[in-house]
Every structure is written in structure tokens, then in C-alpha cells.
Protein backbone atom coordinates (compact mmCIF):
# COMPACT_ATOMS: atom_id res chain seq x y z
CA MET A 1 -0.01 -0.01 -0.01
CA ILE A 2 1.39 3.39 -1.01
CA VAL A 3 -0.03 6.46 0.83
CA ILE A 4 0.53 9.88 -0.76
CA THR A 5 -0.56 13.00 1.05
CA ARG A 6 -0.63 16.20 -0.99
CA ASN A 7 -2.32 19.54 -0.01
CA GLY A 8 -4.16 17.83 2.76
CA GLU A 9 -5.58 15.12 0.52
CA THR A 10 -4.61 11.53 1.02
CA VAL A 11 -4.43 9.10 -1.91
CA VAL A 12 -3.95 5.40 -1.24
CA LEU A 13 -2.59 3.18 -4.02
CA THR A 14 -3.31 -0.52 -3.82
CA GLY A 15 -3.50 -3.48 -6.17
CA TRP A 16 -2.22 -3.21 -9.71
CA ARG A 17 -1.73 0.58 -9.46
CA GLU A 18 0.68 0.08 -6.51
CA TRP A 19 2.59 -2.55 -8.52
CA LEU A 20 2.74 -0.21 -11.53
CA VAL A 21 4.06 2.67 -9.42
CA ARG A 22 6.68 0.42 -7.75
CA ILE A 23 7.83 -0.94 -11.15
CA VAL A 24 8.15 2.63 -12.58
CA ILE A 25 10.10 3.77 -9.49
CA PHE A 26 12.39 0.68 -9.70
CA LEU A 27 13.07 1.20 -13.41
CA ALA A 28 13.81 4.90 -12.87
CA ALA A 29 16.27 3.98 -10.09
CA ILE A 30 17.97 1.40 -12.30
CA LEU A 31 18.18 3.92 -15.14
CA LEU A 32 19.71 6.53 -12.85
CA LEU A 33 22.20 4.00 -11.50
CA GLY A 34 23.15 3.10 -15.07
CA VAL A 35 23.74 6.76 -15.95
CA VAL A 36 25.92 7.26 -12.90
CA VAL A 37 27.94 4.06 -13.66
CA PHE A 38 28.35 5.24 -17.26
CA LEU A 39 29.60 8.63 -16.18
CA PHE A 40 32.09 7.18 -13.66
CA PHE A 41 33.33 4.67 -16.24
CA GLY A 42 33.86 7.46 -18.72
CA LEU A 43 35.73 9.49 -16.13
CA ALA A 44 37.92 6.48 -15.25
CA VAL A 45 38.76 5.89 -18.89
CA THR A 46 39.57 9.54 -19.45
CA VAL A 47 41.86 9.74 -16.45
CA GLY A 48 43.60 6.48 -17.48
CA ALA A 49 44.15 7.75 -21.05
CA MET A 50 45.56 11.04 -19.72
CA ALA A 51 47.87 9.13 -17.39
CA LEU A 52 49.06 6.91 -20.27
CA ILE A 53 50.01 10.06 -22.24
CA LEU A 54 51.27 12.35 -19.51
CA ILE A 55 53.44 10.07 -17.41
CA PRO A 56 55.73 8.98 -20.33
CA ALA A 57 55.82 12.59 -21.52
CA VAL A 58 56.98 13.83 -18.14
CA ILE A 59 59.65 11.08 -17.99
CA ILE A 60 60.92 11.98 -21.45
CA VAL A 61 61.07 15.70 -20.68
CA GLY A 62 62.93 14.85 -17.46
CA LEU A 63 65.49 12.71 -19.30
CA ILE A 64 66.06 15.34 -21.98
CA GLY A 65 66.35 17.99 -19.28
CA SER A 66 68.96 15.97 -17.43
CA LEU A 67 70.95 15.44 -20.65
CA PHE A 68 71.10 19.18 -21.41
CA GLY A 69 71.28 20.44 -17.85
CA ARG A 70 74.37 22.05 -16.37
CA ARG A 71 76.69 20.00 -14.27
CA PRO A 72 78.53 21.75 -11.44
């Protein structure tokens, strides 16, 4: 039984209407969870790709800098 109170009026959902509302809420929650997982997966892939490019670049720049740097 789902009880909704709005503006002082109470609506009680039972039977097939209750099942329908529960299914819609469940599907909306699953969809929202899927969107959040998709966004976090995209963020992880982006950060990983940046790390794969930036870490070797920093190492190469450091090696070149040590080759051309002054020695005391």
C-alpha cells in the first residue's frame, strides 16, 4: 500500500496501481544508476588515457632535461 498526502488530501494506491508505481520507480532507479555508472566509467577511462600520455611525456622531458642540464 502506498499512501501519498498532498495539499491535505490523502491518496492510497493498492493493487495493480501500486505494482505499476513500484515498477516505474524501480526502473527509474535502475536507469539513474546506469547513468551514474556510465559517467564514472567514462571518467575513469579519461583519467587513465591522460595518465598513459602524460606520465611517459614527463619522464621523457625529465630525461632530456637531465641530458642538457648544467653540471657543477
